[in-house]
C-alpha cells in the first residue's frame, strides 16, 4: 500500500502481521512518509487525528448506551 495498511477485522491476524512486517523495513517506512507528504495527508493520518476519531467513536457509543 502507498500509505499503510488497514486491518478490517480485529481477528485478521494475517493482515496485522503483514502490515507489521512491511513496516519493519526502513525503506518502506520512508516511502510511505514521502507519499503522505506529497499528497498533503500529514494532518489526516496523524496520531492527533486518530485520537480525535477514537474519542468521537467512544462518545457515540456512550450516547447510544444512554439511550438504551
PDB file of N, CA and C in Angstrom:
ATOM      1  N   UNK A   1       0.834  -1.192   0.000  1.00  0.00           N
ATOM      2  CA  UNK A   1       0.000   0.000   0.000  1.00  0.00           C
ATOM      3  C   UNK A   1       0.872   1.246   0.000  1.00  0.00           C
ATOM      4  N   UNK A   2       0.318   2.293  -0.514  1.00  0.00           N
ATOM      5  CA  UNK A   2       1.076   3.542  -0.628  1.00  0.00           C
ATOM      6  C   UNK A   2       1.329   4.195   0.727  1.00  0.00           C
ATOM      7  N   UNK A   3       0.335   4.188   1.612  1.00  0.00           N
ATOM      8  CA  UNK A   3       0.459   4.893   2.894  1.00  0.00           C
ATOM      9  C   UNK A   3       0.576   3.961   4.090  1.00  0.00           C
ATOM     10  N   UNK A   4       0.000   2.799   4.011  1.00  0.00           N
ATOM     11  CA  UNK A   4      -0.012   1.898   5.154  1.00  0.00           C
ATOM     12  C   UNK A   4      -1.004   0.785   4.935  1.00  0.00           C
ATOM     13  N   UNK A   5      -1.474   0.212   5.999  1.00  0.00           N
ATOM     14  CA  UNK A   5      -2.388  -0.921   5.927  1.00  0.00           C
ATOM     15  C   UNK A   5      -3.625  -0.664   6.768  1.00  0.00           C
ATOM     16  N   UNK A   6      -4.727  -1.237   6.346  1.00  0.00           N
ATOM     17  CA  UNK A   6      -5.952  -1.210   7.122  1.00  0.00           C
ATOM     18  C   UNK A   6      -6.304  -2.650   7.447  1.00  0.00           C
ATOM     19  N   UNK A   7      -6.517  -2.901   8.711  1.00  0.00           N
ATOM     20  CA  UNK A   7      -6.950  -4.222   9.150  1.00  0.00           C
ATOM     21  C   UNK A   7      -8.442  -4.100   9.426  1.00  0.00           C
ATOM     22  N   UNK A   8      -9.242  -4.755   8.589  1.00  0.00           N
ATOM     23  CA  UNK A   8     -10.697  -4.591   8.653  1.00  0.00           C
ATOM     24  C   UNK A   8     -11.367  -5.331   9.798  1.00  0.00           C
ATOM     25  N   UNK A   9     -10.757  -6.390  10.270  1.00  0.00           N
ATOM     26  CA  UNK A   9     -11.388  -7.194  11.326  1.00  0.00           C
ATOM     27  C   UNK A   9     -10.390  -7.410  12.456  1.00  0.00           C
ATOM     28  N   UNK A  10     -10.829  -7.309  13.700  1.00  0.00           N
ATOM     29  CA  UNK A  10      -9.902  -7.453  14.825  1.00  0.00           C
ATOM     30  C   UNK A  10      -9.249  -8.825  14.910  1.00  0.00           C
ATOM     31  N   UNK A  11      -9.860  -9.829  14.296  1.00  0.00           N
ATOM     32  CA  UNK A  11      -9.263 -11.170  14.350  1.00  0.00           C
ATOM     33  C   UNK A  11      -8.480 -11.513  13.079  1.00  0.00           C
ATOM     34  N   UNK A  12      -8.240 -10.535  12.231  1.00  0.00           N
ATOM     35  CA  UNK A  12      -7.478 -10.749  10.997  1.00  0.00           C
ATOM     36  C   UNK A  12      -5.987 -10.618  11.298  1.00  0.00           C
ATOM     37  N   UNK A  13      -5.451 -11.614  11.957  1.00  0.00           N
ATOM     38  CA  UNK A  13      -4.053 -11.556  12.388  1.00  0.00           C
ATOM     39  C   UNK A  13      -3.090 -11.628  11.208  1.00  0.00           C
ATOM     40  N   UNK A  14      -3.512 -12.213  10.109  1.00  0.00           N
ATOM     41  CA  UNK A  14      -2.625 -12.276   8.935  1.00  0.00           C
ATOM     42  C   UNK A  14      -2.370 -10.871   8.376  1.00  0.00           C
ATOM     43  N   UNK A  15      -3.431 -10.070   8.257  1.00  0.00           N
ATOM     44  CA  UNK A  15      -3.269  -8.704   7.750  1.00  0.00           C
ATOM     45  C   UNK A  15      -2.446  -7.858   8.719  1.00  0.00           C
ATOM     46  N   UNK A  16      -2.678  -8.035  10.003  1.00  0.00           N
ATOM     47  CA  UNK A  16      -1.897  -7.308  11.001  1.00  0.00           C
ATOM     48  C   UNK A  16      -0.426  -7.681  10.898  1.00  0.00           C
ATOM     49  N   UNK A  17      -0.136  -8.966  10.806  1.00  0.00           N
ATOM     50  CA  UNK A  17       1.248  -9.431  10.683  1.00  0.00           C
ATOM     51  C   UNK A  17       1.889  -8.897   9.405  1.00  0.00           C
ATOM     52  N   UNK A  18       1.140  -8.911   8.311  1.00  0.00           N
ATOM     53  CA  UNK A  18       1.651  -8.401   7.030  1.00  0.00           C
ATOM     54  C   UNK A  18       2.018  -6.921   7.155  1.00  0.00           C
ATOM     55  N   UNK A  19       1.139  -6.140   7.769  1.00  0.00           N
ATOM     56  CA  UNK A  19       1.417  -4.716   7.957  1.00  0.00           C
ATOM     57  C   UNK A  19       2.621  -4.470   8.840  1.00  0.00           C
ATOM     58  N   UNK A  20       2.721  -5.207   9.924  1.00  0.00           N
ATOM     59  CA  UNK A  20       3.862  -5.042  10.828  1.00  0.00           C
ATOM     60  C   UNK A  20       5.167  -5.407  10.138  1.00  0.00           C
ATOM     61  N   UNK A  21       5.165  -6.515   9.416  1.00  0.00           N
ATOM     62  CA  UNK A  21       6.375  -6.929   8.706  1.00  0.00           C
ATOM     63  C   UNK A  21       6.752  -5.918   7.622  1.00  0.00           C
ATOM     64  N   UNK A  22       5.774  -5.387   6.929  1.00  0.00           N
ATOM     65  CA  UNK A  22       6.014  -4.400   5.877  1.00  0.00           C
ATOM     66  C   UNK A  22       6.780  -3.205   6.446  1.00  0.00           C
ATOM     67  N   UNK A  23       6.343  -2.741   7.599  1.00  0.00           N
ATOM     68  CA  UNK A  23       6.956  -1.536   8.161  1.00  0.00           C
ATOM     69  C   UNK A  23       8.140  -1.813   9.083  1.00  0.00           C
ATOM     70  N   UNK A  24       8.646  -3.026   9.044  1.00  0.00           N
ATOM     71  CA  UNK A  24       9.930  -3.311   9.708  1.00  0.00           C
ATOM     72  C   UNK A  24      11.088  -2.879   8.812  1.00  0.00           C
ATOM     73  N   UNK A  25      10.786  -2.535   7.585  1.00  0.00           N
ATOM     74  CA  UNK A  25      11.778  -2.115   6.598  1.00  0.00           C
ATOM     75  C   UNK A  25      11.809  -0.585   6.549  1.00  0.00           C
ATOM     76  N   UNK A  26      12.945   0.009   6.911  1.00  0.00           N
ATOM     77  CA  UNK A  26      13.057   1.477   6.957  1.00  0.00           C
ATOM     78  C   UNK A  26      12.775   2.118   5.602  1.00  0.00           C
ATOM     79  N   UNK A  27      13.147   1.449   4.527  1.00  0.00           N
ATOM     80  CA  UNK A  27      12.895   2.000   3.190  1.00  0.00           C
ATOM     81  C   UNK A  27      11.391   2.120   2.928  1.00  0.00           C
ATOM     82  N   UNK A  28      10.625   1.133   3.354  1.00  0.00           N
ATOM     83  CA  UNK A  28       9.173   1.170   3.157  1.00  0.00           C
ATOM     84  C   UNK A  28       8.525   2.236   4.037  1.00  0.00           C
ATOM     85  N   UNK A  29       9.055   2.425   5.227  1.00  0.00           N
ATOM     86  CA  UNK A  29       8.560   3.497   6.101  1.00  0.00           C
ATOM     87  C   UNK A  29       8.799   4.842   5.433  1.00  0.00           C
ATOM     88  N   UNK A  30       9.980   5.019   4.880  1.00  0.00           N
ATOM     89  CA  UNK A  30      10.315   6.285   4.229  1.00  0.00           C
ATOM     90  C   UNK A  30       9.436   6.519   2.988  1.00  0.00           C
ATOM     91  N   UNK A  31       9.181   5.482   2.212  1.00  0.00           N
ATOM     92  CA  UNK A  31       8.316   5.623   1.037  1.00  0.00           C
ATOM     93  C   UNK A  31       6.899   6.035   1.450  1.00  0.00           C
ATOM     94  N   UNK A  32       6.382   5.455   2.512  1.00  0.00           N
ATOM     95  CA  UNK A  32       5.051   5.826   2.994  1.00  0.00           C
ATOM     96  C   UNK A  32       5.040   7.266   3.491  1.00  0.00           C
ATOM     97  N   UNK A  33       6.088   7.648   4.232  1.00  0.00           N
ATOM     98  CA  UNK A  33       6.182   9.028   4.734  1.00  0.00           C
ATOM     99  C   UNK A  33       6.215  10.021   3.578  1.00  0.00           C
ATOM    100  N   UNK A  34       7.000   9.720   2.557  1.00  0.00           N
ATOM    101  CA  UNK A  34       7.088  10.608   1.399  1.00  0.00           C
ATOM    102  C   UNK A  34       5.739  10.705   0.676  1.00  0.00           C
ATOM    103  N   UNK A  35       5.047   9.589   0.522  1.00  0.00           N
ATOM    104  CA  UNK A  35       3.732   9.594  -0.141  1.00  0.00           C
ATOM    105  C   UNK A  35       2.743  10.446   0.647  1.00  0.00           C
ATOM    106  N   UNK A  36       2.772  10.321   1.952  1.00  0.00           N
ATOM    107  CA  UNK A  36       1.882  11.104   2.809  1.00  0.00           C
ATOM    108  C   UNK A  36       2.182  12.595   2.659  1.00  0.00           C
ATOM    109  N   UNK A  37       3.441  12.951   2.629  1.00  0.00           N
ATOM    110  CA  UNK A  37       3.818  14.356   2.487  1.00  0.00           C
ATOM    111  C   UNK A  37       3.463  14.879   1.087  1.00  0.00           C
ATOM    112  N   UNK A  38       3.748  14.094   0.047  1.00  0.00           N
ATOM    113  CA  UNK A  38       3.446  14.506  -1.328  1.00  0.00           C
ATOM    114  C   UNK A  38       1.957  14.775  -1.520  1.00  0.00           C
ATOM    115  N   UNK A  39       1.137  13.983  -0.890  1.00  0.00           N
ATOM    116  CA  UNK A  39      -0.313  14.104  -1.054  1.00  0.00           C
ATOM    117  C   UNK A  39      -0.965  14.971   0.023  1.00  0.00           C
ATOM    118  N   UNK A  40      -0.151  15.680   0.797  1.00  0.00           N
ATOM    119  CA  UNK A  40      -0.639  16.595   1.842  1.00  0.00           C
ATOM    120  C   UNK A  40      -1.620  15.917   2.798  1.00  0.00           C
ATOM    121  N   UNK A  41      -1.265  14.726   3.249  1.00  0.00           N
ATOM    122  CA  UNK A  41      -2.139  13.969   4.146  1.00  0.00           C
ATOM    123  C   UNK A  41      -1.630  13.906   5.587  1.00  0.00           C
ATOM    124  N   UNK A  42      -0.568  14.620   5.882  1.00  0.00           N
ATOM    125  CA  UNK A  42       0.041  14.527   7.213  1.00  0.00           C
ATOM    126  C   UNK A  42      -0.959  14.797   8.331  1.00  0.00           C
ATOM    127  N   UNK A  43      -1.822  15.794   8.166  1.00  0.00           N
ATOM    128  CA  UNK A  43      -2.806  16.111   9.204  1.00  0.00           C
ATOM    129  C   UNK A  43      -3.873  15.029   9.322  1.00  0.00           C
ATOM    130  N   UNK A  44      -4.181  14.359   8.218  1.00  0.00           N
ATOM    131  CA  UNK A  44      -5.232  13.334   8.212  1.00  0.00           C
ATOM    132  C   UNK A  44      -4.780  12.010   8.823  1.00  0.00           C
ATOM    133  N   UNK A  45      -3.492  11.733   8.796  1.00  0.00           N
ATOM    134  CA  UNK A  45      -3.002  10.444   9.298  1.00  0.00           C
ATOM    135  C   UNK A  45      -2.163  10.604  10.570  1.00  0.00           C
ATOM    136  N   UNK A  46      -2.281  11.741  11.199  1.00  0.00           N
ATOM    137  CA  UNK A  46      -1.508  11.994  12.420  1.00  0.00           C
ATOM    138  C   UNK A  46      -2.099  11.248  13.613  1.00  0.00           C
ATOM    139  N   UNK A  47      -1.296  11.086  14.637  1.00  0.00           N
ATOM    140  CA  UNK A  47      -1.763  10.469  15.876  1.00  0.00           C
ATOM    141  C   UNK A  47      -2.879  11.325  16.482  1.00  0.00           C
ATOM    142  N   UNK A  48      -2.756  12.647  16.387  1.00  0.00           N
ATOM    143  CA  UNK A  48      -3.785  13.538  16.932  1.00  0.00           C
ATOM    144  C   UNK A  48      -5.124  13.304  16.232  1.00  0.00           C
ATOM    145  N   UNK A  49      -5.114  13.161  14.914  1.00  0.00           N
ATOM    146  CA  UNK A  49      -6.350  12.919  14.165  1.00  0.00           C
ATOM    147  C   UNK A  49      -6.940  11.564  14.542  1.00  0.00           C
ATOM    148  N   UNK A  50      -6.082  10.561  14.692  1.00  0.00           N
ATOM    149  CA  UNK A  50      -6.541   9.234  15.083  1.00  0.00           C
ATOM    150  C   UNK A  50      -7.206   9.286  16.464  1.00  0.00           C
ATOM    151  N   UNK A  51      -6.571   9.967  17.398  1.00  0.00           N
ATOM    152  CA  UNK A  51      -7.126  10.087  18.748  1.00  0.00           C
ATOM    153  C   UNK A  51      -8.468  10.831  18.715  1.00  0.00           C
ATOM    154  N   UNK A  52      -8.551  11.876  17.906  1.00  0.00           N
ATOM    155  CA  UNK A  52      -9.793  12.645  17.766  1.00  0.00           C
ATOM    156  C   UNK A  52     -10.934  11.747  17.265  1.00  0.00           C
ATOM    157  N   UNK A  53     -10.636  10.903  16.278  1.00  0.00           N
ATOM    158  CA  UNK A  53     -11.661   9.997  15.739  1.00  0.00           C
ATOM    159  C   UNK A  53     -12.064   8.943  16.762  1.00  0.00           C
ATOM    160  N   UNK A  54     -11.111   8.440  17.532  1.00  0.00           N
ATOM    161  CA  UNK A  54     -11.438   7.460  18.572  1.00  0.00           C
ATOM    162  C   UNK A  54     -12.326   8.075  19.647  1.00  0.00           C
ATOM    163  N   UNK A  55     -12.014   9.287  20.059  1.00  0.00           N
ATOM    164  CA  UNK A  55     -12.831   9.969  21.066  1.00  0.00           C
ATOM    165  C   UNK A  55     -14.251  10.159  20.542  1.00  0.00           C
ATOM    166  N   UNK A  56     -14.387  10.555  19.287  1.00  0.00           N
ATOM    167  CA  UNK A  56     -15.709  10.700  18.689  1.00  0.00           C
ATOM    168  C   UNK A  56     -16.475   9.384  18.674  1.00  0.00           C
ATOM    169  N   UNK A  57     -15.781   8.302  18.353  1.00  0.00           N
ATOM    170  CA  UNK A  57     -16.404   6.982  18.353  1.00  0.00           C
ATOM    171  C   UNK A  57     -16.867   6.609  19.755  1.00  0.00           C
ATOM    172  N   UNK A  58     -16.010   6.799  20.751  1.00  0.00           N
ATOM    173  CA  UNK A  58     -16.373   6.469  22.136  1.00  0.00           C
ATOM    174  C   UNK A  58     -17.564   7.302  22.608  1.00  0.00           C
ATOM    175  N   UNK A  59     -17.593   8.581  22.249  1.00  0.00           N
ATOM    176  CA  UNK A  59     -18.727   9.432  22.634  1.00  0.00           C
ATOM    177  C   UNK A  59     -20.021   8.933  22.003  1.00  0.00           C
ATOM    178  N   UNK A  60     -19.948   8.507  20.746  1.00  0.00           N
ATOM    179  CA  UNK A  60     -21.139   7.977  20.072  1.00  0.00           C
ATOM    180  C   UNK A  60     -21.613   6.694  20.743  1.00  0.00           C
ATOM    181  N   UNK A  61     -20.691   5.827  21.123  1.00  0.00           N
ATOM    182  CA  UNK A  61     -21.050   4.583  21.811  1.00  0.00           C
ATOM    183  C   UNK A  61     -21.715   4.885  23.140  1.00  0.00           C
ATOM    184  N   UNK A  62     -21.138   5.796  23.910  1.00  0.00           N
ATOM    185  CA  UNK A  62     -21.688   6.173  25.207  1.00  0.00           C
ATOM    186  C   UNK A  62     -23.085   6.767  25.036  1.00  0.00           C
ATOM    187  N   UNK A  63     -23.239   7.628  24.037  1.00  0.00           N
ATOM    188  CA  UNK A  63     -24.528   8.250  23.777  1.00  0.00           C
ATOM    189  C   UNK A  63     -25.589   7.193  23.439  1.00  0.00           C
ATOM    190  N   UNK A  64     -25.238   6.216  22.619  1.00  0.00           N
ATOM    191  CA  UNK A  64     -26.171   5.153  22.257  1.00  0.00           C
ATOM    192  C   UNK A  64     -26.543   4.294  23.475  1.00  0.00           C
ATOM    193  N   UNK A  65     -25.584   4.031  24.324  1.00  0.00           N
ATOM    194  CA  UNK A  65     -25.865   3.218  25.520  1.00  0.00           C
ATOM    195  C   UNK A  65     -26.774   3.942  26.477  1.00  0.00           C
ATOM    196  N   UNK A  66     -26.639   5.252  26.562  1.00  0.00           N
ATOM    197  CA  UNK A  66     -27.503   6.033  27.444  1.00  0.00           C
ATOM    198  C   UNK A  66     -28.940   6.026  26.952  1.00  0.00           C
ATOM    199  N   UNK A  67     -29.143   5.944  25.630  1.00  0.00           N
ATOM    200  CA  UNK A  67     -30.486   5.923  25.045  1.00  0.00           C
ATOM    201  C   UNK A  67     -31.170   4.572  25.221  1.00  0.00           C
ATOM    202  N   UNK A  68     -30.366   3.530  25.408  1.00  0.00           N
ATOM    203  CA  UNK A  68     -30.932   2.180  25.521  1.00  0.00           C
ATOM    204  C   UNK A  68     -31.507   1.889  26.889  1.00  0.00           C
TER     205      UNK A  68
END
